[in-house]
Amino acid sequence: MTTNNNLTKDDKMIFMCTYQLDRDKQAETQAFFANMTDEQIAGEYPADVKQIGRWHDAANGSGLIIVETDNQESLTGWILGWSGACTFPIVKPVLDDANARKAIKAMIANQQS
């Protein structure tokens, strides 16, 4: 459940997460990831964290993950599961076009009143 007064208990937040593999563990971590089974990939996230997409800069050991959740503790738990192999320099909530436009319009309306 989110604490933002504009969201209901059924709303999910979208988070943009970037990762950077530890250089000394890059080969080992990439080999682990490359050899994960479909079942391991499917069960990688907690039930209340849904991956929307994941893109990799494999040569540099970094990437971008977009997830949806209403439970930041679950997201943090998933991140901690990878903490021995990489860091997540950016984990922040983001909006899709429709919700960004809605938020910007509300901001403008508040500034004009």
C-alpha atoms as a PDB file:
ATOM      1  CA  MET A   1       0.000   0.000   0.000  1.00  0.00           C
ATOM      2  CA  THR A   2       1.378   3.391  -0.927  1.00  0.00           C
ATOM      3  CA  THR A   3       1.319   6.378   1.373  1.00  0.00           C
ATOM      4  CA  ASN A   4       0.769   8.979  -1.350  1.00  0.00           C
ATOM      5  CA  ASN A   5      -2.671  10.507  -0.796  1.00  0.00           C
ATOM      6  CA  ASN A   6      -3.340  10.554  -4.546  1.00  0.00           C
ATOM      7  CA  LEU A   7      -2.995   6.778  -4.857  1.00  0.00           C
ATOM      8  CA  THR A   8      -5.413   4.098  -3.790  1.00  0.00           C
ATOM      9  CA  LYS A   9      -4.420   0.811  -2.213  1.00  0.00           C
ATOM     10  CA  ASP A  10      -4.711  -0.839  -5.652  1.00  0.00           C
ATOM     11  CA  ASP A  11      -2.289   1.550  -7.375  1.00  0.00           C
ATOM     12  CA  LYS A  12       1.203   0.397  -8.197  1.00  0.00           C
ATOM     13  CA  MET A  13       4.280   2.558  -8.489  1.00  0.00           C
ATOM     14  CA  ILE A  14       6.795   2.169 -11.282  1.00  0.00           C
ATOM     15  CA  PHE A  15      10.472   2.263 -10.325  1.00  0.00           C
ATOM     16  CA  MET A  16      13.480   2.799 -12.558  1.00  0.00           C
ATOM     17  CA  CYS A  17      16.498   0.926 -11.250  1.00  0.00           C
ATOM     18  CA  THR A  18      19.994   1.004 -12.679  1.00  0.00           C
ATOM     19  CA  TYR A  19      22.601  -1.552 -11.728  1.00  0.00           C
ATOM     20  CA  GLN A  20      26.378  -1.717 -11.940  1.00  0.00           C
ATOM     21  CA  LEU A  21      28.141  -5.036 -11.462  1.00  0.00           C
ATOM     22  CA  ASP A  22      31.151  -4.998  -9.180  1.00  0.00           C
ATOM     23  CA  ARG A  23      34.105  -5.132 -11.593  1.00  0.00           C
ATOM     24  CA  ASP A  24      35.872  -7.902  -9.693  1.00  0.00           C
ATOM     25  CA  LYS A  25      32.694 -10.030  -9.790  1.00  0.00           C
ATOM     26  CA  GLN A  26      31.481  -9.143 -13.285  1.00  0.00           C
ATOM     27  CA  ALA A  27      32.470 -12.376 -15.055  1.00  0.00           C
ATOM     28  CA  GLU A  28      31.136 -14.570 -12.234  1.00  0.00           C
ATOM     29  CA  THR A  29      27.853 -12.634 -11.977  1.00  0.00           C
ATOM     30  CA  GLN A  30      27.292 -12.582 -15.729  1.00  0.00           C
ATOM     31  CA  ALA A  31      27.927 -16.339 -15.902  1.00  0.00           C
ATOM     32  CA  PHE A  32      25.416 -16.877 -13.077  1.00  0.00           C
ATOM     33  CA  PHE A  33      22.809 -14.749 -14.863  1.00  0.00           C
ATOM     34  CA  ALA A  34      23.450 -16.355 -18.259  1.00  0.00           C
ATOM     35  CA  ASN A  35      22.925 -19.811 -16.770  1.00  0.00           C
ATOM     36  CA  MET A  36      19.752 -19.047 -14.807  1.00  0.00           C
ATOM     37  CA  THR A  37      16.906 -21.336 -15.808  1.00  0.00           C
ATOM     38  CA  ASP A  38      13.559 -20.039 -17.038  1.00  0.00           C
ATOM     39  CA  GLU A  39      12.132 -21.073 -13.663  1.00  0.00           C
ATOM     40  CA  GLN A  40      14.782 -19.083 -11.796  1.00  0.00           C
ATOM     41  CA  ILE A  41      14.113 -16.014 -13.955  1.00  0.00           C
ATOM     42  CA  ALA A  42      10.339 -16.397 -13.430  1.00  0.00           C
ATOM     43  CA  GLY A  43      10.827 -16.633  -9.656  1.00  0.00           C
ATOM     44  CA  GLU A  44      13.493 -13.983  -9.323  1.00  0.00           C
ATOM     45  CA  TYR A  45      11.208 -11.253  -7.958  1.00  0.00           C
ATOM     46  CA  PRO A  46       8.921 -11.301  -4.940  1.00  0.00           C
ATOM     47  CA  ALA A  47       5.263 -11.896  -5.855  1.00  0.00           C
ATOM     48  CA  ASP A  48       4.390  -8.208  -5.451  1.00  0.00           C
ATOM     49  CA  VAL A  49       7.224  -6.914  -7.676  1.00  0.00           C
ATOM     50  CA  LYS A  50       6.617  -7.206 -11.418  1.00  0.00           C
ATOM     51  CA  GLN A  51       9.395  -6.657 -13.923  1.00  0.00           C
ATOM     52  CA  ILE A  52       8.243  -4.498 -16.826  1.00  0.00           C
ATOM     53  CA  GLY A  53      11.549  -4.656 -18.668  1.00  0.00           C
ATOM     54  CA  ARG A  54      15.281  -5.142 -18.254  1.00  0.00           C
ATOM     55  CA  TRP A  55      18.059  -4.017 -20.586  1.00  0.00           C
ATOM     56  CA  HIS A  56      21.757  -4.763 -20.266  1.00  0.00           C
ATOM     57  CA  ASP A  57      24.993  -3.077 -21.264  1.00  0.00           C
ATOM     58  CA  ALA A  58      26.749  -6.434 -20.955  1.00  0.00           C
ATOM     59  CA  ALA A  59      30.171  -5.173 -22.015  1.00  0.00           C
ATOM     60  CA  ASN A  60      30.248  -2.673 -19.156  1.00  0.00           C
ATOM     61  CA  GLY A  61      28.338  -4.748 -16.600  1.00  0.00           C
ATOM     62  CA  SER A  62      25.486  -2.308 -16.164  1.00  0.00           C
ATOM     63  CA  GLY A  63      21.858  -2.018 -17.047  1.00  0.00           C
ATOM     64  CA  LEU A  64      18.372  -0.672 -16.474  1.00  0.00           C
ATOM     65  CA  ILE A  65      15.396  -2.428 -14.912  1.00  0.00           C
ATOM     66  CA  ILE A  66      11.826  -1.114 -14.763  1.00  0.00           C
ATOM     67  CA  VAL A  67       9.579  -2.696 -12.133  1.00  0.00           C
ATOM     68  CA  GLU A  68       6.088  -2.132 -10.807  1.00  0.00           C
ATOM     69  CA  THR A  69       5.158  -2.613  -7.152  1.00  0.00           C
ATOM     70  CA  ASP A  70       3.087  -1.286  -4.298  1.00  0.00           C
ATOM     71  CA  ASN A  71       5.600  -2.597  -1.779  1.00  0.00           C
ATOM     72  CA  GLN A  72       8.920  -0.807  -1.569  1.00  0.00           C
ATOM     73  CA  GLU A  73      10.108  -3.214   1.127  1.00  0.00           C
ATOM     74  CA  SER A  74       9.774  -6.124  -1.308  1.00  0.00           C
ATOM     75  CA  LEU A  75      11.695  -4.164  -3.948  1.00  0.00           C
ATOM     76  CA  THR A  76      14.419  -3.378  -1.416  1.00  0.00           C
ATOM     77  CA  GLY A  77      14.582  -7.045  -0.436  1.00  0.00           C
ATOM     78  CA  TRP A  78      15.078  -8.048  -4.081  1.00  0.00           C
ATOM     79  CA  ILE A  79      17.841  -5.424  -4.459  1.00  0.00           C
ATOM     80  CA  LEU A  80      19.554  -6.709  -1.317  1.00  0.00           C
ATOM     81  CA  GLY A  81      19.550 -10.187  -2.839  1.00  0.00           C
ATOM     82  CA  TRP A  82      21.891  -8.896  -5.550  1.00  0.00           C
ATOM     83  CA  SER A  83      23.952  -6.674  -3.233  1.00  0.00           C
ATOM     84  CA  GLY A  84      26.877  -9.095  -3.101  1.00  0.00           C
ATOM     85  CA  ALA A  85      27.376  -8.757  -6.847  1.00  0.00           C
ATOM     86  CA  CYS A  86      26.345  -5.231  -7.814  1.00  0.00           C
ATOM     87  CA  THR A  87      25.140  -1.839  -6.702  1.00  0.00           C
ATOM     88  CA  PHE A  88      21.943  -0.042  -7.653  1.00  0.00           C
ATOM     89  CA  PRO A  89      22.996   3.617  -7.955  1.00  0.00           C
ATOM     90  CA  ILE A  90      19.511   4.734  -9.029  1.00  0.00           C
ATOM     91  CA  VAL A  91      16.219   3.441  -7.660  1.00  0.00           C
ATOM     92  CA  LYS A  92      13.493   6.020  -8.079  1.00  0.00           C
ATOM     93  CA  PRO A  93       9.803   6.227  -8.829  1.00  0.00           C
ATOM     94  CA  VAL A  94       8.886   7.265 -12.363  1.00  0.00           C
ATOM     95  CA  LEU A  95       5.639   8.018 -14.203  1.00  0.00           C
ATOM     96  CA  ASP A  96       4.295   6.973 -17.566  1.00  0.00           C
ATOM     97  CA  ASP A  97       3.190   9.685 -20.019  1.00  0.00           C
ATOM     98  CA  ALA A  98      -0.430   9.858 -18.840  1.00  0.00           C
ATOM     99  CA  ASN A  99       0.440  10.127 -15.151  1.00  0.00           C
ATOM    100  CA  ALA A 100       3.295  12.576 -15.784  1.00  0.00           C
ATOM    101  CA  ARG A 101       0.949  14.834 -17.737  1.00  0.00           C
ATOM    102  CA  LYS A 102      -1.646  14.575 -14.947  1.00  0.00           C
ATOM    103  CA  ALA A 103       0.943  15.503 -12.303  1.00  0.00           C
ATOM    104  CA  ILE A 104       2.298  18.415 -14.334  1.00  0.00           C
ATOM    105  CA  LYS A 105      -1.212  19.762 -14.999  1.00  0.00           C
ATOM    106  CA  ALA A 106      -1.980  19.575 -11.259  1.00  0.00           C
ATOM    107  CA  MET A 107       1.267  21.408 -10.472  1.00  0.00           C
ATOM    108  CA  ILE A 108       0.434  24.166 -12.977  1.00  0.00           C
ATOM    109  CA  ALA A 109      -3.107  24.494 -11.601  1.00  0.00           C
ATOM    110  CA  ASN A 110      -1.728  24.808  -8.049  1.00  0.00           C
ATOM    111  CA  GLN A 111       0.739  27.487  -9.150  1.00  0.00           C
ATOM    112  CA  GLN A 112      -2.004  29.495 -10.814  1.00  0.00           C
ATOM    113  CA  SER A 113      -4.370  29.470  -7.835  1.00  0.00           C
END
